[in-house]
Amino acid sequence: MTAREPVVSLHGVSFAYGAAEVLSDIDLEVRPGEFVALVGPNGSGKSTLLRLLLGLLRPQAGEIELFGGPPDALRSRHRLGYVPQRPGLANDLTASVADVVAAGLLSRGRWWARRPGRQHQAIDRALTAVSLADRRHERIRDLSGGQQQRAFIARALAADPELLVLDEPVAGVDAESQRQFRESLLHLVRERGGTVLLVSHELGAVADVLDRVVVLKRTVRFDGPPAELSGTGVHLGVHDSDLPFWLEQVE
């Protein structure tokens, strides 16, 4: 894959669970260095699209490419970072924050384990990016919900991914954690040259730094800059209810 080719590419992608079609003829590309938000009402197909992108499902029609090849054939897993919705194991873990972040380096393979200096640098860099360096020795379960989510983002960042995919990462998270969340994503995009695909109903923390907003409801209903969407009267603020309300009205 050259620097100009898409990181993510979907062409004519359709998927159904039995007779219920969830996605229909999806065309979508995300290029290196882009910060893209994917939004849509409940049941719009966002989770299914992520599962297709991660190689957990296969489309019934169309083609999907991740780094220029089929998602389930990706060998260098460190190129992809994934943060699911509020990981449920956090409150049961006795591991420290640093231990959780270190787990993100496993995708780098055994050769990385033979470089302890590089490991420590990667962990330090990731913790600094999410402003948790001073909490590295605390147990993950003792952190607030927002801090836990930032720790899991740091785990994904530790492997220095080319693409970071996040699924509703700020749902129910306090304003300060959302600010730190924004800064960590800007660090990846602007300082590391990475790409971000963010799935969220809450865009207030990042609305002014997004390159594109993609509205999904079985098909792609909108794909363009956030200013264009805001120009139609849709508010992207985190504390406003009109974005989720508007999404539910999309026909």
C-alpha atoms as a PDB file:
ATOM      1  CA  MET A   1       0.000   0.000   0.000  1.00  0.00           C
ATOM      2  CA  THR A   2       1.397   3.395  -0.988  1.00  0.00           C
ATOM      3  CA  ALA A   3       1.026   6.484   1.175  1.00  0.00           C
ATOM      4  CA  ARG A   4      -1.799   7.795  -1.041  1.00  0.00           C
ATOM      5  CA  GLU A   5      -3.919   4.647  -1.117  1.00  0.00           C
ATOM      6  CA  PRO A   6      -6.872   4.351   1.284  1.00  0.00           C
ATOM      7  CA  VAL A   7      -6.346   2.801   4.700  1.00  0.00           C
ATOM      8  CA  VAL A   8      -9.959   1.604   4.585  1.00  0.00           C
ATOM      9  CA  SER A   9     -11.910   0.958   1.400  1.00  0.00           C
ATOM     10  CA  LEU A  10     -15.468  -0.368   1.000  1.00  0.00           C
ATOM     11  CA  HIS A  11     -17.033  -0.698  -2.435  1.00  0.00           C
ATOM     12  CA  GLY A  12     -20.616  -1.863  -2.948  1.00  0.00           C
ATOM     13  CA  VAL A  13     -20.707  -3.572   0.445  1.00  0.00           C
ATOM     14  CA  SER A  14     -23.977  -5.159   1.568  1.00  0.00           C
ATOM     15  CA  PHE A  15     -24.731  -7.371   4.557  1.00  0.00           C
ATOM     16  CA  ALA A  16     -27.837  -9.035   5.981  1.00  0.00           C
ATOM     17  CA  TYR A  17     -28.668 -11.090   9.045  1.00  0.00           C
ATOM     18  CA  GLY A  18     -30.976 -13.636   7.481  1.00  0.00           C
ATOM     19  CA  ALA A  19     -33.617 -11.713   5.545  1.00  0.00           C
ATOM     20  CA  ALA A  20     -32.905  -8.436   7.342  1.00  0.00           C
ATOM     21  CA  GLU A  21     -30.559  -6.267   5.290  1.00  0.00           C
ATOM     22  CA  VAL A  22     -28.439  -4.097   7.585  1.00  0.00           C
ATOM     23  CA  LEU A  23     -26.053  -2.514   5.075  1.00  0.00           C
ATOM     24  CA  SER A  24     -26.785  -1.808   1.433  1.00  0.00           C
ATOM     25  CA  ASP A  25     -24.300  -0.839  -1.281  1.00  0.00           C
ATOM     26  CA  ILE A  26     -21.847   0.984   1.006  1.00  0.00           C
ATOM     27  CA  ASP A  27     -19.060   2.987  -0.620  1.00  0.00           C
ATOM     28  CA  LEU A  28     -16.573   4.482   1.826  1.00  0.00           C
ATOM     29  CA  GLU A  29     -12.880   5.333   1.847  1.00  0.00           C
ATOM     30  CA  VAL A  30     -10.672   6.606   4.671  1.00  0.00           C
ATOM     31  CA  ARG A  31      -7.238   7.867   3.672  1.00  0.00           C
ATOM     32  CA  PRO A  32      -4.003   8.164   5.664  1.00  0.00           C
ATOM     33  CA  GLY A  33      -3.988  11.048   8.129  1.00  0.00           C
ATOM     34  CA  GLU A  34      -7.764  11.565   8.099  1.00  0.00           C
ATOM     35  CA  PHE A  35      -9.897  11.995  11.207  1.00  0.00           C
ATOM     36  CA  VAL A  36     -13.337  10.620  10.325  1.00  0.00           C
ATOM     37  CA  ALA A  37     -16.457  10.262  12.495  1.00  0.00           C
ATOM     38  CA  LEU A  38     -19.077   7.622  11.711  1.00  0.00           C
ATOM     39  CA  VAL A  39     -22.513   8.420  13.138  1.00  0.00           C
ATOM     40  CA  GLY A  40     -25.983   6.985  12.809  1.00  0.00           C
ATOM     41  CA  PRO A  41     -29.101   6.104  14.811  1.00  0.00           C
ATOM     42  CA  ASN A  42     -29.402   2.889  16.779  1.00  0.00           C
ATOM     43  CA  GLY A  43     -29.719  -0.019  14.363  1.00  0.00           C
ATOM     44  CA  SER A  44     -28.151   1.933  11.499  1.00  0.00           C
ATOM     45  CA  GLY A  45     -25.477  -0.711  10.849  1.00  0.00           C
ATOM     46  CA  LYS A  46     -22.493   0.979  12.528  1.00  0.00           C
ATOM     47  CA  SER A  47     -21.558  -2.038  14.661  1.00  0.00           C
ATOM     48  CA  THR A  48     -21.949  -4.386  11.709  1.00  0.00           C
ATOM     49  CA  LEU A  49     -19.735  -2.173   9.574  1.00  0.00           C
ATOM     50  CA  LEU A  50     -17.047  -2.241  12.284  1.00  0.00           C
ATOM     51  CA  ARG A  51     -17.240  -6.038  12.506  1.00  0.00           C
ATOM     52  CA  LEU A  52     -16.818  -6.254   8.739  1.00  0.00           C
ATOM     53  CA  LEU A  53     -13.899  -3.860   8.873  1.00  0.00           C
ATOM     54  CA  LEU A  54     -12.218  -5.882  11.651  1.00  0.00           C
ATOM     55  CA  GLY A  55     -12.612  -9.101   9.670  1.00  0.00           C
ATOM     56  CA  LEU A  56     -15.112 -10.630  12.111  1.00  0.00           C
ATOM     57  CA  LEU A  57     -17.796 -10.794   9.411  1.00  0.00           C
ATOM     58  CA  ARG A  58     -17.673 -11.072   5.637  1.00  0.00           C
ATOM     59  CA  PRO A  59     -19.928  -9.063   3.303  1.00  0.00           C
ATOM     60  CA  GLN A  60     -22.487 -10.835   1.171  1.00  0.00           C
ATOM     61  CA  ALA A  61     -21.722  -8.407  -1.648  1.00  0.00           C
ATOM     62  CA  GLY A  62     -18.961  -5.958  -2.422  1.00  0.00           C
ATOM     63  CA  GLU A  63     -15.337  -5.693  -1.364  1.00  0.00           C
ATOM     64  CA  ILE A  64     -13.566  -4.453   1.764  1.00  0.00           C
ATOM     65  CA  GLU A  65      -9.875  -3.642   1.951  1.00  0.00           C
ATOM     66  CA  LEU A  66      -7.869  -2.822   5.056  1.00  0.00           C
ATOM     67  CA  PHE A  67      -4.354  -1.582   4.243  1.00  0.00           C
ATOM     68  CA  GLY A  68      -4.864  -2.803   0.700  1.00  0.00           C
ATOM     69  CA  GLY A  69      -5.972  -6.374   1.488  1.00  0.00           C
ATOM     70  CA  PRO A  70      -8.802  -8.398   3.038  1.00  0.00           C
ATOM     71  CA  PRO A  71      -9.311  -7.519   6.745  1.00  0.00           C
ATOM     72  CA  ASP A  72      -9.098 -11.144   7.903  1.00  0.00           C
ATOM     73  CA  ALA A  73      -5.752 -11.547   6.096  1.00  0.00           C
ATOM     74  CA  LEU A  74      -4.000  -8.732   7.986  1.00  0.00           C
ATOM     75  CA  ARG A  75      -0.813 -10.147   9.495  1.00  0.00           C
ATOM     76  CA  SER A  76       0.742  -7.041  11.058  1.00  0.00           C
ATOM     77  CA  ARG A  77      -1.998  -6.540  13.636  1.00  0.00           C
ATOM     78  CA  HIS A  78      -0.166  -3.648  15.287  1.00  0.00           C
ATOM     79  CA  ARG A  79      -1.081  -1.509  12.286  1.00  0.00           C
ATOM     80  CA  LEU A  80      -4.670  -1.510  13.569  1.00  0.00           C
ATOM     81  CA  GLY A  81      -5.683  -0.255  17.009  1.00  0.00           C
ATOM     82  CA  TYR A  82      -9.225  -0.925  18.269  1.00  0.00           C
ATOM     83  CA  VAL A  83     -10.951   0.461  21.370  1.00  0.00           C
ATOM     84  CA  PRO A  84     -14.406  -1.070  22.011  1.00  0.00           C
ATOM     85  CA  GLN A  85     -17.222   0.506  23.986  1.00  0.00           C
ATOM     86  CA  ARG A  86     -16.227   0.839  27.666  1.00  0.00           C
ATOM     87  CA  PRO A  87     -14.386  -2.487  28.188  1.00  0.00           C
ATOM     88  CA  GLY A  88     -16.346  -4.402  30.839  1.00  0.00           C
ATOM     89  CA  LEU A  89     -13.348  -6.145  32.397  1.00  0.00           C
ATOM     90  CA  ALA A  90     -11.756  -2.982  33.770  1.00  0.00           C
ATOM     91  CA  ASN A  91     -13.431  -3.181  37.175  1.00  0.00           C
ATOM     92  CA  ASP A  92     -12.312  -6.815  37.610  1.00  0.00           C
ATOM     93  CA  LEU A  93      -8.665  -6.283  36.713  1.00  0.00           C
ATOM     94  CA  THR A  94      -6.001  -6.080  39.400  1.00  0.00           C
ATOM     95  CA  ALA A  95      -3.386  -5.051  36.829  1.00  0.00           C
ATOM     96  CA  SER A  96      -1.774  -1.630  36.944  1.00  0.00           C
ATOM     97  CA  VAL A  97      -2.397   1.010  34.314  1.00  0.00           C
ATOM     98  CA  ALA A  98       1.101   0.409  32.909  1.00  0.00           C
ATOM     99  CA  ASP A  99       0.408  -3.347  32.679  1.00  0.00           C
ATOM    100  CA  VAL A 100      -2.767  -2.717  30.691  1.00  0.00           C
ATOM    101  CA  VAL A 101      -0.932  -0.385  28.298  1.00  0.00           C
ATOM    102  CA  ALA A 102       1.942  -2.880  27.949  1.00  0.00           C
ATOM    103  CA  ALA A 103      -0.562  -5.494  26.734  1.00  0.00           C
ATOM    104  CA  GLY A 104      -0.990  -3.363  23.626  1.00  0.00           C
ATOM    105  CA  LEU A 105       2.552  -4.245  22.603  1.00  0.00           C
ATOM    106  CA  LEU A 106       1.734  -7.948  22.257  1.00  0.00           C
ATOM    107  CA  SER A 107       0.627  -7.339  18.684  1.00  0.00           C
ATOM    108  CA  ARG A 108       4.190  -6.278  17.895  1.00  0.00           C
ATOM    109  CA  GLY A 109       5.341  -9.881  18.259  1.00  0.00           C
ATOM    110  CA  ARG A 110       8.179 -11.620  20.096  1.00  0.00           C
ATOM    111  CA  TRP A 111      10.934  -9.510  18.559  1.00  0.00           C
ATOM    112  CA  TRP A 112       9.558  -6.493  20.421  1.00  0.00           C
ATOM    113  CA  ALA A 113       9.774  -8.351  23.738  1.00  0.00           C
ATOM    114  CA  ARG A 114      13.535  -8.550  23.300  1.00  0.00           C
ATOM    115  CA  ARG A 115      13.755  -4.736  23.331  1.00  0.00           C
ATOM    116  CA  PRO A 116      12.808  -3.657  26.876  1.00  0.00           C
ATOM    117  CA  GLY A 117      14.054  -0.125  26.297  1.00  0.00           C
ATOM    118  CA  ARG A 118      11.726   0.298  23.318  1.00  0.00           C
ATOM    119  CA  GLN A 119       8.863  -1.162  25.346  1.00  0.00           C
ATOM    120  CA  HIS A 120       9.286   1.356  28.154  1.00  0.00           C
ATOM    121  CA  GLN A 121       9.513   4.236  25.693  1.00  0.00           C
ATOM    122  CA  ALA A 122       6.316   3.133  23.939  1.00  0.00           C
ATOM    123  CA  ILE A 123       4.431   2.803  27.237  1.00  0.00           C
ATOM    124  CA  ASP A 124       5.662   6.193  28.460  1.00  0.00           C
ATOM    125  CA  ARG A 125       4.711   7.847  25.173  1.00  0.00           C
ATOM    126  CA  ALA A 126       1.216   6.342  25.184  1.00  0.00           C
ATOM    127  CA  LEU A 127       0.542   7.266  28.827  1.00  0.00           C
ATOM    128  CA  THR A 128       1.756  10.807  28.233  1.00  0.00           C
ATOM    129  CA  ALA A 129      -0.490  11.124  25.181  1.00  0.00           C
ATOM    130  CA  VAL A 130      -3.581  10.441  27.338  1.00  0.00           C
ATOM    131  CA  SER A 131      -2.273  12.332  30.400  1.00  0.00           C
ATOM    132  CA  LEU A 132      -2.072   9.272  32.650  1.00  0.00           C
ATOM    133  CA  ALA A 133       1.695   9.122  33.215  1.00  0.00           C
ATOM    134  CA  ASP A 134       1.210   9.972  36.899  1.00  0.00           C
ATOM    135  CA  ARG A 135      -1.274   7.081  37.315  1.00  0.00           C
ATOM    136  CA  ARG A 136       0.886   4.353  35.771  1.00  0.00           C
ATOM    137  CA  HIS A 137       1.284   2.354  39.010  1.00  0.00           C
ATOM    138  CA  GLU A 138      -2.374   2.549  40.088  1.00  0.00           C
ATOM    139  CA  ARG A 139      -4.735  -0.365  39.537  1.00  0.00           C
ATOM    140  CA  ILE A 140      -6.927   0.094  36.523  1.00  0.00           C
ATOM    141  CA  ARG A 141     -10.052  -0.687  38.539  1.00  0.00           C
ATOM    142  CA  ASP A 142      -9.331   2.236  40.879  1.00  0.00           C
ATOM    143  CA  LEU A 143      -9.578   4.804  38.084  1.00  0.00           C
ATOM    144  CA  SER A 144     -12.696   6.689  37.072  1.00  0.00           C
ATOM    145  CA  GLY A 145     -14.633   5.506  34.027  1.00  0.00           C
ATOM    146  CA  GLY A 146     -13.137   8.242  31.865  1.00  0.00           C
ATOM    147  CA  GLN A 147      -9.600   7.461  33.055  1.00  0.00           C
ATOM    148  CA  GLN A 148     -10.128   3.759  32.370  1.00  0.00           C
ATOM    149  CA  GLN A 149     -11.216   4.551  28.837  1.00  0.00           C
ATOM    150  CA  ARG A 150      -8.138   6.713  28.316  1.00  0.00           C
ATOM    151  CA  ALA A 151      -5.975   3.833  29.578  1.00  0.00           C
ATOM    152  CA  PHE A 152      -7.474   1.525  26.957  1.00  0.00           C
ATOM    153  CA  ILE A 153      -6.855   4.181  24.310  1.00  0.00           C
ATOM    154  CA  ALA A 154      -3.232   4.287  25.517  1.00  0.00           C
ATOM    155  CA  ARG A 155      -3.055   0.500  25.130  1.00  0.00           C
ATOM    156  CA  ALA A 156      -4.059   0.889  21.491  1.00  0.00           C
ATOM    157  CA  LEU A 157      -1.650   3.805  20.986  1.00  0.00           C
ATOM    158  CA  ALA A 158       1.309   1.907  22.468  1.00  0.00           C
ATOM    159  CA  ALA A 159       1.703  -0.186  19.324  1.00  0.00           C
ATOM    160  CA  ASP A 160       1.801   3.027  17.253  1.00  0.00           C
ATOM    161  CA  PRO A 161      -1.100   2.007  14.979  1.00  0.00           C
ATOM    162  CA  GLU A 162      -1.564   3.432  11.531  1.00  0.00           C
ATOM    163  CA  LEU A 163      -5.339   3.238  12.012  1.00  0.00           C
ATOM    164  CA  LEU A 164      -7.183   3.675  15.321  1.00  0.00           C
ATOM    165  CA  VAL A 165     -10.839   2.593  15.412  1.00  0.00           C
ATOM    166  CA  LEU A 166     -12.900   3.671  18.418  1.00  0.00           C
ATOM    167  CA  ASP A 167     -16.464   2.558  19.195  1.00  0.00           C
ATOM    168  CA  GLU A 168     -18.436   5.069  21.327  1.00  0.00           C
ATOM    169  CA  PRO A 169     -15.373   5.875  23.471  1.00  0.00           C
ATOM    170  CA  VAL A 170     -16.792   8.905  25.294  1.00  0.00           C
ATOM    171  CA  ALA A 171     -20.298   7.709  26.169  1.00  0.00           C
ATOM    172  CA  GLY A 172     -20.950   8.797  29.748  1.00  0.00           C
ATOM    173  CA  VAL A 173     -17.420  10.175  30.181  1.00  0.00           C
ATOM    174  CA  ASP A 174     -16.829  13.435  32.068  1.00  0.00           C
ATOM    175  CA  ALA A 175     -15.876  16.671  30.309  1.00  0.00           C
ATOM    176  CA  GLU A 176     -12.229  16.647  31.444  1.00  0.00           C
ATOM    177  CA  SER A 177     -11.708  13.097  30.167  1.00  0.00           C
ATOM    178  CA  GLN A 178     -13.281  14.125  26.871  1.00  0.00           C
ATOM    179  CA  ARG A 179     -10.774  16.970  26.600  1.00  0.00           C
ATOM    180  CA  GLN A 180      -7.892  14.564  27.254  1.00  0.00           C
ATOM    181  CA  PHE A 181      -9.453  12.144  24.768  1.00  0.00           C
ATOM    182  CA  ARG A 182      -9.410  14.874  22.119  1.00  0.00           C
ATOM    183  CA  GLU A 183      -5.766  15.674  22.787  1.00  0.00           C
ATOM    184  CA  SER A 184      -4.717  12.012  22.565  1.00  0.00           C
ATOM    185  CA  LEU A 185      -6.379  11.627  19.162  1.00  0.00           C
ATOM    186  CA  LEU A 186      -4.830  14.850  17.894  1.00  0.00           C
ATOM    187  CA  HIS A 187      -1.462  13.486  19.041  1.00  0.00           C
ATOM    188  CA  LEU A 188      -1.946  10.387  16.892  1.00  0.00           C
ATOM    189  CA  VAL A 189      -3.168  12.251  13.810  1.00  0.00           C
ATOM    190  CA  ARG A 190      -0.941  15.334  13.830  1.00  0.00           C
ATOM    191  CA  GLU A 191       2.236  14.119  15.520  1.00  0.00           C
ATOM    192  CA  ARG A 192       2.283  10.451  14.518  1.00  0.00           C
ATOM    193  CA  GLY A 193       0.592  10.739  11.095  1.00  0.00           C
ATOM    194  CA  GLY A 194      -2.051   8.180  12.040  1.00  0.00           C
ATOM    195  CA  THR A 195      -5.653   7.792  10.918  1.00  0.00           C
ATOM    196  CA  VAL A 196      -8.723   7.779  13.188  1.00  0.00           C
ATOM    197  CA  LEU A 197     -12.174   6.298  12.564  1.00  0.00           C
ATOM    198  CA  LEU A 198     -14.433   7.331  15.449  1.00  0.00           C
ATOM    199  CA  VAL A 199     -17.913   5.867  15.960  1.00  0.00           C
ATOM    200  CA  SER A 200     -19.868   8.112  18.319  1.00  0.00           C
ATOM    201  CA  HIS A 201     -23.091  10.022  18.956  1.00  0.00           C
ATOM    202  CA  GLU A 202     -21.099  12.625  20.865  1.00  0.00           C
ATOM    203  CA  LEU A 203     -18.874  14.748  18.641  1.00  0.00           C
ATOM    204  CA  GLY A 204     -18.647  17.930  20.693  1.00  0.00           C
ATOM    205  CA  ALA A 205     -15.128  17.160  21.945  1.00  0.00           C
ATOM    206  CA  VAL A 206     -13.730  16.709  18.428  1.00  0.00           C
ATOM    207  CA  ALA A 207     -16.190  18.412  16.055  1.00  0.00           C
ATOM    208  CA  ASP A 208     -13.799  21.234  15.153  1.00  0.00           C
ATOM    209  CA  VAL A 209     -10.900  18.906  14.264  1.00  0.00           C
ATOM    210  CA  LEU A 210     -12.773  16.293  12.231  1.00  0.00           C
ATOM    211  CA  ASP A 211     -12.051  16.049   8.525  1.00  0.00           C
ATOM    212  CA  ARG A 212     -15.318  14.291   7.701  1.00  0.00           C
ATOM    213  CA  VAL A 213     -18.572  13.093   9.197  1.00  0.00           C
ATOM    214  CA  VAL A 214     -20.182   9.998   7.672  1.00  0.00           C
ATOM    215  CA  VAL A 215     -23.873   9.484   8.452  1.00  0.00           C
ATOM    216  CA  LEU A 216     -24.953   5.855   8.124  1.00  0.00           C
ATOM    217  CA  LYS A 217     -28.451   4.427   8.064  1.00  0.00           C
ATOM    218  CA  ARG A 218     -28.253   1.199   6.066  1.00  0.00           C
ATOM    219  CA  THR A 219     -26.628   3.274   3.336  1.00  0.00           C
ATOM    220  CA  VAL A 220     -24.338   6.321   3.515  1.00  0.00           C
ATOM    221  CA  ARG A 221     -26.702   9.325   3.873  1.00  0.00           C
ATOM    222  CA  PHE A 222     -24.018  11.998   4.215  1.00  0.00           C
ATOM    223  CA  ASP A 223     -20.240  12.144   3.804  1.00  0.00           C
ATOM    224  CA  GLY A 224     -18.565  15.502   4.118  1.00  0.00           C
ATOM    225  CA  PRO A 225     -16.974  18.110   6.389  1.00  0.00           C
ATOM    226  CA  PRO A 226     -18.661  18.779   9.751  1.00  0.00           C
ATOM    227  CA  ALA A 227     -19.228  22.438   8.824  1.00  0.00           C
ATOM    228  CA  GLU A 228     -21.437  21.323   5.944  1.00  0.00           C
ATOM    229  CA  LEU A 229     -23.536  19.196   8.301  1.00  0.00           C
ATOM    230  CA  SER A 230     -23.696  21.995  10.874  1.00  0.00           C
ATOM    231  CA  GLY A 231     -24.806  24.326   8.096  1.00  0.00           C
ATOM    232  CA  THR A 232     -28.031  22.341   7.801  1.00  0.00           C
ATOM    233  CA  GLY A 233     -28.834  23.238  11.425  1.00  0.00           C
ATOM    234  CA  VAL A 234     -27.528  20.040  13.034  1.00  0.00           C
ATOM    235  CA  HIS A 235     -25.651  20.736  16.261  1.00  0.00           C
ATOM    236  CA  LEU A 236     -22.606  18.530  16.969  1.00  0.00           C
ATOM    237  CA  GLY A 237     -22.194  19.594  20.620  1.00  0.00           C
ATOM    238  CA  VAL A 238     -21.775  16.874  23.241  1.00  0.00           C
ATOM    239  CA  HIS A 239     -24.394  18.314  25.593  1.00  0.00           C
ATOM    240  CA  ASP A 240     -26.976  18.962  22.887  1.00  0.00           C
ATOM    241  CA  SER A 241     -29.647  16.432  22.082  1.00  0.00           C
ATOM    242  CA  ASP A 242     -30.296  17.504  18.513  1.00  0.00           C
ATOM    243  CA  LEU A 243     -27.597  15.368  16.831  1.00  0.00           C
ATOM    244  CA  PRO A 244     -28.981  12.056  18.208  1.00  0.00           C
ATOM    245  CA  PHE A 245     -32.524  13.323  17.597  1.00  0.00           C
ATOM    246  CA  TRP A 246     -31.659  14.319  14.031  1.00  0.00           C
ATOM    247  CA  LEU A 247     -30.018  10.959  13.390  1.00  0.00           C
ATOM    248  CA  GLU A 248     -33.166   9.120  14.484  1.00  0.00           C
ATOM    249  CA  GLN A 249     -35.154  11.170  11.920  1.00  0.00           C
ATOM    250  CA  VAL A 250     -32.823  10.382   8.986  1.00  0.00           C
ATOM    251  CA  GLU A 251     -34.798   8.724   6.207  1.00  0.00           C
END
